[in-house]
Amino acid sequence: TVGLTLATLSLKDGYWRSSSQSDKIVKCETEASCVRASPDDNCTIGHTGPICSVCTEGYNKNAVGVCEPCSSAGVSIGFYALLTVL
């Protein structure tokens, strides 16, 4: 396509690259982690890092590898469980 550059190349959901200038495109292990909210985003909200495989602060991975917001109840239960052990 005329005028297409690396910077304007749009990726399909489920694929990642380190920057808009990179020509190395990688399939994400969990497609849902690589769904862009905007062309400037590499990862779904809650995901970051190489191949969107790291959860951002305040998120944790569920059983299928998707980062979801941490629940305050889960944090409290974990905290009290740790106190019980100590």
N, C-alpha and C. Protein backbone atom coordinates (compact mmCIF):
# COMPACT_ATOMS: atom_id res chain seq x y z
N THR A 1 0.85 -1.18 0.00
CA THR A 1 0.00 0.00 0.00
C THR A 1 0.89 1.23 0.00
N VAL A 2 0.52 2.21 -0.81
CA VAL A 2 1.29 3.44 -0.91
C VAL A 2 1.18 4.21 0.41
N GLY A 3 2.31 4.67 0.90
CA GLY A 3 2.33 5.47 2.13
C GLY A 3 2.38 4.66 3.42
N LEU A 4 2.37 3.34 3.34
CA LEU A 4 2.43 2.51 4.53
C LEU A 4 3.87 2.47 5.05
N THR A 5 4.03 2.74 6.33
CA THR A 5 5.34 2.69 6.97
C THR A 5 5.22 1.80 8.21
N LEU A 6 6.35 1.49 8.82
CA LEU A 6 6.31 0.73 10.07
C LEU A 6 5.48 1.46 11.11
N ALA A 7 5.63 2.77 11.18
CA ALA A 7 4.91 3.55 12.19
C ALA A 7 3.40 3.52 11.98
N THR A 8 2.96 3.39 10.73
CA THR A 8 1.51 3.40 10.47
C THR A 8 0.94 2.00 10.30
N LEU A 9 1.80 0.98 10.36
CA LEU A 9 1.35 -0.40 10.22
C LEU A 9 0.49 -0.79 11.42
N SER A 10 -0.73 -1.16 11.18
CA SER A 10 -1.64 -1.56 12.25
C SER A 10 -1.57 -3.07 12.44
N LEU A 11 -1.42 -3.51 13.68
CA LEU A 11 -1.36 -4.94 13.97
C LEU A 11 -2.74 -5.48 14.28
N LYS A 12 -2.97 -6.74 13.94
CA LYS A 12 -4.20 -7.41 14.32
C LYS A 12 -4.14 -7.70 15.81
N ASP A 13 -5.31 -7.79 16.45
CA ASP A 13 -5.36 -8.19 17.85
C ASP A 13 -4.67 -9.54 18.00
N GLY A 14 -3.96 -9.69 19.11
CA GLY A 14 -3.25 -10.94 19.36
C GLY A 14 -1.79 -10.92 18.95
N TYR A 15 -1.33 -9.76 18.42
CA TYR A 15 0.07 -9.63 18.00
C TYR A 15 0.70 -8.43 18.69
N TRP A 16 2.02 -8.48 18.86
CA TRP A 16 2.75 -7.47 19.62
C TRP A 16 4.05 -7.14 18.91
N ARG A 17 4.49 -5.91 19.09
CA ARG A 17 5.86 -5.51 18.70
C ARG A 17 6.33 -4.49 19.72
N SER A 18 7.63 -4.41 19.89
CA SER A 18 8.21 -3.60 20.96
C SER A 18 8.01 -2.10 20.77
N SER A 19 7.90 -1.66 19.53
CA SER A 19 7.68 -0.23 19.25
C SER A 19 7.08 -0.09 17.86
N SER A 20 6.62 1.10 17.55
CA SER A 20 6.02 1.34 16.23
C SER A 20 7.07 1.29 15.13
N GLN A 21 8.34 1.29 15.47
CA GLN A 21 9.41 1.22 14.48
C GLN A 21 9.96 -0.19 14.29
N SER A 22 9.51 -1.14 15.10
CA SER A 22 10.03 -2.51 15.03
C SER A 22 9.37 -3.28 13.90
N ASP A 23 10.17 -4.07 13.18
CA ASP A 23 9.62 -4.93 12.14
C ASP A 23 9.47 -6.37 12.64
N LYS A 24 9.78 -6.61 13.92
CA LYS A 24 9.64 -7.93 14.51
C LYS A 24 8.28 -8.01 15.20
N ILE A 25 7.40 -8.82 14.63
CA ILE A 25 6.04 -8.96 15.15
C ILE A 25 5.89 -10.36 15.74
N VAL A 26 5.35 -10.44 16.95
CA VAL A 26 5.26 -11.69 17.69
C VAL A 26 3.79 -11.98 18.03
N LYS A 27 3.40 -13.24 17.91
CA LYS A 27 2.06 -13.64 18.33
C LYS A 27 2.04 -13.74 19.85
N CYS A 28 1.05 -13.14 20.47
CA CYS A 28 0.93 -13.17 21.93
C CYS A 28 0.47 -14.55 22.40
N GLU A 29 0.98 -14.98 23.55
CA GLU A 29 0.57 -16.26 24.11
C GLU A 29 -0.92 -16.24 24.45
N THR A 30 -1.38 -15.12 24.98
CA THR A 30 -2.79 -14.94 25.30
C THR A 30 -3.30 -13.80 24.44
N GLU A 31 -4.10 -14.11 23.44
CA GLU A 31 -4.56 -13.09 22.49
C GLU A 31 -5.23 -11.92 23.20
N ALA A 32 -5.99 -12.19 24.25
CA ALA A 32 -6.71 -11.14 24.96
C ALA A 32 -5.79 -10.12 25.61
N SER A 33 -4.52 -10.45 25.81
CA SER A 33 -3.59 -9.50 26.42
C SER A 33 -3.05 -8.50 25.41
N CYS A 34 -3.25 -8.77 24.14
CA CYS A 34 -2.74 -7.90 23.06
C CYS A 34 -3.88 -7.34 22.22
N VAL A 35 -4.85 -6.75 22.86
CA VAL A 35 -5.95 -6.07 22.17
C VAL A 35 -5.81 -4.59 22.49
N ARG A 36 -5.59 -3.80 21.46
CA ARG A 36 -5.29 -2.39 21.65
C ARG A 36 -6.53 -1.53 21.84
N ALA A 37 -6.47 -0.64 22.81
CA ALA A 37 -7.54 0.34 23.00
C ALA A 37 -7.36 1.50 22.02
N SER A 38 -6.12 1.73 21.60
CA SER A 38 -5.82 2.78 20.62
C SER A 38 -4.57 2.35 19.85
N PRO A 39 -4.30 2.99 18.71
CA PRO A 39 -3.12 2.61 17.92
C PRO A 39 -1.79 2.78 18.67
N ASP A 40 -1.77 3.63 19.69
CA ASP A 40 -0.54 3.86 20.45
C ASP A 40 -0.29 2.80 21.52
N ASP A 41 -1.31 2.03 21.84
CA ASP A 41 -1.17 1.01 22.88
C ASP A 41 -0.67 -0.28 22.27
N ASN A 42 0.25 -0.95 22.96
CA ASN A 42 0.70 -2.28 22.54
C ASN A 42 -0.11 -3.36 23.22
N CYS A 43 -0.64 -3.06 24.41
CA CYS A 43 -1.25 -4.09 25.24
C CYS A 43 -2.64 -3.67 25.72
N THR A 44 -3.42 -4.67 26.10
CA THR A 44 -4.72 -4.46 26.73
C THR A 44 -4.49 -3.79 28.09
N ILE A 45 -5.44 -3.01 28.53
CA ILE A 45 -5.35 -2.38 29.86
C ILE A 45 -5.08 -3.46 30.90
N GLY A 46 -4.12 -3.20 31.78
CA GLY A 46 -3.72 -4.15 32.81
C GLY A 46 -2.52 -4.99 32.43
N HIS A 47 -2.12 -4.92 31.16
CA HIS A 47 -0.98 -5.69 30.66
C HIS A 47 0.14 -4.74 30.24
N THR A 48 1.38 -5.21 30.35
CA THR A 48 2.54 -4.42 29.94
C THR A 48 3.70 -5.37 29.66
N GLY A 49 4.83 -4.81 29.30
CA GLY A 49 6.05 -5.60 29.15
C GLY A 49 6.13 -6.37 27.85
N PRO A 50 7.19 -7.17 27.73
CA PRO A 50 7.39 -7.96 26.52
C PRO A 50 6.19 -8.87 26.24
N ILE A 51 5.67 -8.77 25.05
CA ILE A 51 4.54 -9.57 24.58
C ILE A 51 3.34 -9.44 25.52
N CYS A 52 3.24 -8.30 26.19
CA CYS A 52 2.10 -8.00 27.08
C CYS A 52 1.91 -9.08 28.13
N SER A 53 2.99 -9.70 28.57
CA SER A 53 2.90 -10.85 29.46
C SER A 53 3.02 -10.50 30.94
N VAL A 54 3.16 -9.22 31.27
CA VAL A 54 3.31 -8.78 32.66
C VAL A 54 2.08 -7.97 33.05
N CYS A 55 1.58 -8.21 34.25
CA CYS A 55 0.45 -7.42 34.75
C CYS A 55 0.96 -6.11 35.34
N THR A 56 0.23 -5.03 35.08
CA THR A 56 0.57 -3.75 35.68
C THR A 56 0.16 -3.76 37.15
N GLU A 57 0.63 -2.77 37.89
CA GLU A 57 0.32 -2.68 39.32
C GLU A 57 -1.19 -2.62 39.51
N GLY A 58 -1.69 -3.41 40.45
CA GLY A 58 -3.12 -3.45 40.73
C GLY A 58 -3.86 -4.51 39.94
N TYR A 59 -3.12 -5.30 39.14
CA TYR A 59 -3.71 -6.38 38.35
C TYR A 59 -2.99 -7.68 38.65
N ASN A 60 -3.69 -8.79 38.49
CA ASN A 60 -3.06 -10.11 38.61
C ASN A 60 -3.64 -11.02 37.55
N LYS A 61 -2.88 -12.08 37.19
CA LYS A 61 -3.31 -12.99 36.12
C LYS A 61 -4.36 -13.96 36.63
N ASN A 62 -5.36 -14.18 35.79
CA ASN A 62 -6.36 -15.20 36.10
C ASN A 62 -5.87 -16.55 35.55
N ALA A 63 -6.70 -17.56 35.60
CA ALA A 63 -6.31 -18.91 35.22
C ALA A 63 -5.93 -19.04 33.74
N VAL A 64 -6.44 -18.15 32.88
CA VAL A 64 -6.12 -18.23 31.46
C VAL A 64 -5.07 -17.23 31.03
N GLY A 65 -4.45 -16.53 31.99
CA GLY A 65 -3.34 -15.64 31.69
C GLY A 65 -3.72 -14.21 31.36
N VAL A 66 -4.95 -13.83 31.63
CA VAL A 66 -5.40 -12.45 31.40
C VAL A 66 -5.28 -11.68 32.71
N CYS A 67 -4.70 -10.49 32.65
CA CYS A 67 -4.56 -9.65 33.84
C CYS A 67 -5.89 -8.98 34.16
N GLU A 68 -6.34 -9.16 35.38
CA GLU A 68 -7.60 -8.58 35.85
C GLU A 68 -7.31 -7.72 37.07
N PRO A 69 -8.16 -6.71 37.33
CA PRO A 69 -7.94 -5.88 38.52
C PRO A 69 -7.96 -6.74 39.78
N CYS A 70 -7.05 -6.44 40.69
CA CYS A 70 -7.02 -7.14 41.97
C CYS A 70 -8.26 -6.76 42.76
N SER A 71 -8.80 -7.71 43.46
CA SER A 71 -9.94 -7.40 44.32
C SER A 71 -9.42 -7.11 45.71
N SER A 72 -10.01 -6.14 46.36
CA SER A 72 -9.56 -5.81 47.72
C SER A 72 -9.86 -6.97 48.66
N ALA A 73 -10.92 -7.75 48.37
CA ALA A 73 -11.24 -8.90 49.21
C ALA A 73 -10.13 -9.94 49.12
N GLY A 74 -9.60 -10.18 47.91
CA GLY A 74 -8.53 -11.15 47.74
C GLY A 74 -7.28 -10.73 48.47
N VAL A 75 -6.96 -9.45 48.42
CA VAL A 75 -5.80 -8.93 49.13
C VAL A 75 -5.98 -9.12 50.62
N SER A 76 -7.17 -8.81 51.13
CA SER A 76 -7.43 -8.94 52.57
C SER A 76 -7.33 -10.39 53.01
N ILE A 77 -7.90 -11.30 52.22
CA ILE A 77 -7.85 -12.71 52.58
C ILE A 77 -6.40 -13.20 52.60
N GLY A 78 -5.62 -12.83 51.59
CA GLY A 78 -4.21 -13.22 51.55
C GLY A 78 -3.44 -12.66 52.73
N PHE A 79 -3.70 -11.41 53.08
CA PHE A 79 -3.02 -10.76 54.19
C PHE A 79 -3.35 -11.47 55.51
N TYR A 80 -4.63 -11.78 55.73
CA TYR A 80 -5.01 -12.45 56.96
C TYR A 80 -4.50 -13.88 57.00
N ALA A 81 -4.44 -14.55 55.87
CA ALA A 81 -3.89 -15.89 55.82
C ALA A 81 -2.41 -15.88 56.20
N LEU A 82 -1.69 -14.88 55.71
CA LEU A 82 -0.27 -14.74 56.05
C LEU A 82 -0.10 -14.48 57.54
N LEU A 83 -0.93 -13.61 58.11
CA LEU A 83 -0.85 -13.34 59.54
C LEU A 83 -1.12 -14.58 60.37
N THR A 84 -2.06 -15.41 59.91
CA THR A 84 -2.39 -16.63 60.63
C THR A 84 -1.20 -17.58 60.66
N VAL A 85 -0.47 -17.66 59.53
CA VAL A 85 0.69 -18.53 59.44
C VAL A 85 1.79 -18.05 60.36
N LEU A 86 1.97 -16.75 60.43
CA LEU A 86 3.03 -16.20 61.27
C LEU A 86 2.66 -16.33 62.72
